[in-house]
Amino acid sequence: MTQLNLDPNIPDPDGFYDELLDVHQGLTKEASDALNARLILVLANHIGDRDVLRAALAAAKRS
């Protein structure tokens, strides 16, 4: 199985979290869920490696 980096790896994680919250500001629950789904697909496409994506799915399911 591919090893994922699950250690903190985002510079300024609090700033990123603020940006993530800001992009959801004013959205309905449905629109927010759709934005999250699009974000997941954009990031998955950027990663592109199916083994990495499978490992990420498994890690997310465990947590």
C-alpha atoms as a PDB file:
ATOM      1  CA  MET A   1       0.000   0.000   0.000  1.00  0.00           C
ATOM      2  CA  THR A   2       1.188   3.519  -0.772  1.00  0.00           C
ATOM      3  CA  GLN A   3       2.425   5.465   2.234  1.00  0.00           C
ATOM      4  CA  LEU A   4       0.587   8.759   2.738  1.00  0.00           C
ATOM      5  CA  ASN A   5       2.029  11.761   4.510  1.00  0.00           C
ATOM      6  CA  LEU A   6      -0.470  12.201   7.340  1.00  0.00           C
ATOM      7  CA  ASP A   7       1.764  14.576   9.282  1.00  0.00           C
ATOM      8  CA  PRO A   8       0.973  18.320   9.188  1.00  0.00           C
ATOM      9  CA  ASN A   9       2.248  19.498   5.807  1.00  0.00           C
ATOM     10  CA  ILE A  10       0.411  22.736   4.982  1.00  0.00           C
ATOM     11  CA  PRO A  11       2.249  26.001   5.609  1.00  0.00           C
ATOM     12  CA  ASP A  12      -0.016  28.232   7.723  1.00  0.00           C
ATOM     13  CA  PRO A  13      -2.722  25.611   8.292  1.00  0.00           C
ATOM     14  CA  ASP A  14      -4.883  28.094  10.197  1.00  0.00           C
ATOM     15  CA  GLY A  15      -4.763  30.488   7.247  1.00  0.00           C
ATOM     16  CA  PHE A  16      -5.770  27.685   4.883  1.00  0.00           C
ATOM     17  CA  TYR A  17      -8.632  26.704   7.199  1.00  0.00           C
ATOM     18  CA  ASP A  18      -9.830  30.330   7.200  1.00  0.00           C
ATOM     19  CA  GLU A  19      -9.751  30.340   3.379  1.00  0.00           C
ATOM     20  CA  LEU A  20     -11.694  27.080   3.302  1.00  0.00           C
ATOM     21  CA  LEU A  21     -14.347  28.525   5.607  1.00  0.00           C
ATOM     22  CA  ASP A  22     -14.473  31.764   3.595  1.00  0.00           C
ATOM     23  CA  VAL A  23     -15.159  29.955   0.317  1.00  0.00           C
ATOM     24  CA  HIS A  24     -18.204  28.318   1.979  1.00  0.00           C
ATOM     25  CA  GLN A  25     -19.525  31.587   3.407  1.00  0.00           C
ATOM     26  CA  GLY A  26     -23.129  32.235   2.410  1.00  0.00           C
ATOM     27  CA  LEU A  27     -23.645  28.877   0.701  1.00  0.00           C
ATOM     28  CA  THR A  28     -26.566  26.604   1.390  1.00  0.00           C
ATOM     29  CA  LYS A  29     -25.799  23.141   2.782  1.00  0.00           C
ATOM     30  CA  GLU A  30     -26.350  21.677  -0.681  1.00  0.00           C
ATOM     31  CA  ALA A  31     -24.067  24.220  -2.375  1.00  0.00           C
ATOM     32  CA  SER A  32     -21.414  23.708   0.314  1.00  0.00           C
ATOM     33  CA  ASP A  33     -21.560  19.933  -0.155  1.00  0.00           C
ATOM     34  CA  ALA A  34     -21.261  20.383  -3.932  1.00  0.00           C
ATOM     35  CA  LEU A  35     -18.254  22.678  -3.484  1.00  0.00           C
ATOM     36  CA  ASN A  36     -16.592  20.069  -1.246  1.00  0.00           C
ATOM     37  CA  ALA A  37     -17.232  17.381  -3.860  1.00  0.00           C
ATOM     38  CA  ARG A  38     -15.735  19.546  -6.614  1.00  0.00           C
ATOM     39  CA  LEU A  39     -12.726  20.344  -4.434  1.00  0.00           C
ATOM     40  CA  ILE A  40     -12.140  16.636  -3.784  1.00  0.00           C
ATOM     41  CA  LEU A  41     -12.291  15.886  -7.506  1.00  0.00           C
ATOM     42  CA  VAL A  42      -9.939  18.778  -8.383  1.00  0.00           C
ATOM     43  CA  LEU A  43      -7.398  17.621  -5.792  1.00  0.00           C
ATOM     44  CA  ALA A  44      -7.776  13.957  -6.794  1.00  0.00           C
ATOM     45  CA  ASN A  45      -7.135  14.912 -10.404  1.00  0.00           C
ATOM     46  CA  HIS A  46      -4.064  16.885  -9.340  1.00  0.00           C
ATOM     47  CA  ILE A  47      -2.714  13.867  -7.428  1.00  0.00           C
ATOM     48  CA  GLY A  48      -3.549  11.562 -10.308  1.00  0.00           C
ATOM     49  CA  ASP A  49      -2.056   8.409  -8.770  1.00  0.00           C
ATOM     50  CA  ARG A  50      -4.752   5.774  -8.149  1.00  0.00           C
ATOM     51  CA  ASP A  51      -2.715   3.994  -5.482  1.00  0.00           C
ATOM     52  CA  VAL A  52      -2.305   7.251  -3.554  1.00  0.00           C
ATOM     53  CA  LEU A  53      -6.005   8.019  -3.957  1.00  0.00           C
ATOM     54  CA  ARG A  54      -6.967   4.529  -2.713  1.00  0.00           C
ATOM     55  CA  ALA A  55      -4.718   4.988   0.313  1.00  0.00           C
ATOM     56  CA  ALA A  56      -6.279   8.392   0.977  1.00  0.00           C
ATOM     57  CA  LEU A  57      -9.783   6.922   0.774  1.00  0.00           C
ATOM     58  CA  ALA A  58      -8.833   4.179   3.217  1.00  0.00           C
ATOM     59  CA  ALA A  59      -7.224   6.682   5.619  1.00  0.00           C
ATOM     60  CA  ALA A  60     -10.271   8.947   5.493  1.00  0.00           C
ATOM     61  CA  LYS A  61     -12.608   6.020   6.131  1.00  0.00           C
ATOM     62  CA  ARG A  62     -10.567   4.946   9.179  1.00  0.00           C
ATOM     63  CA  SER A  63     -10.586   8.385  10.798  1.00  0.00           C
END
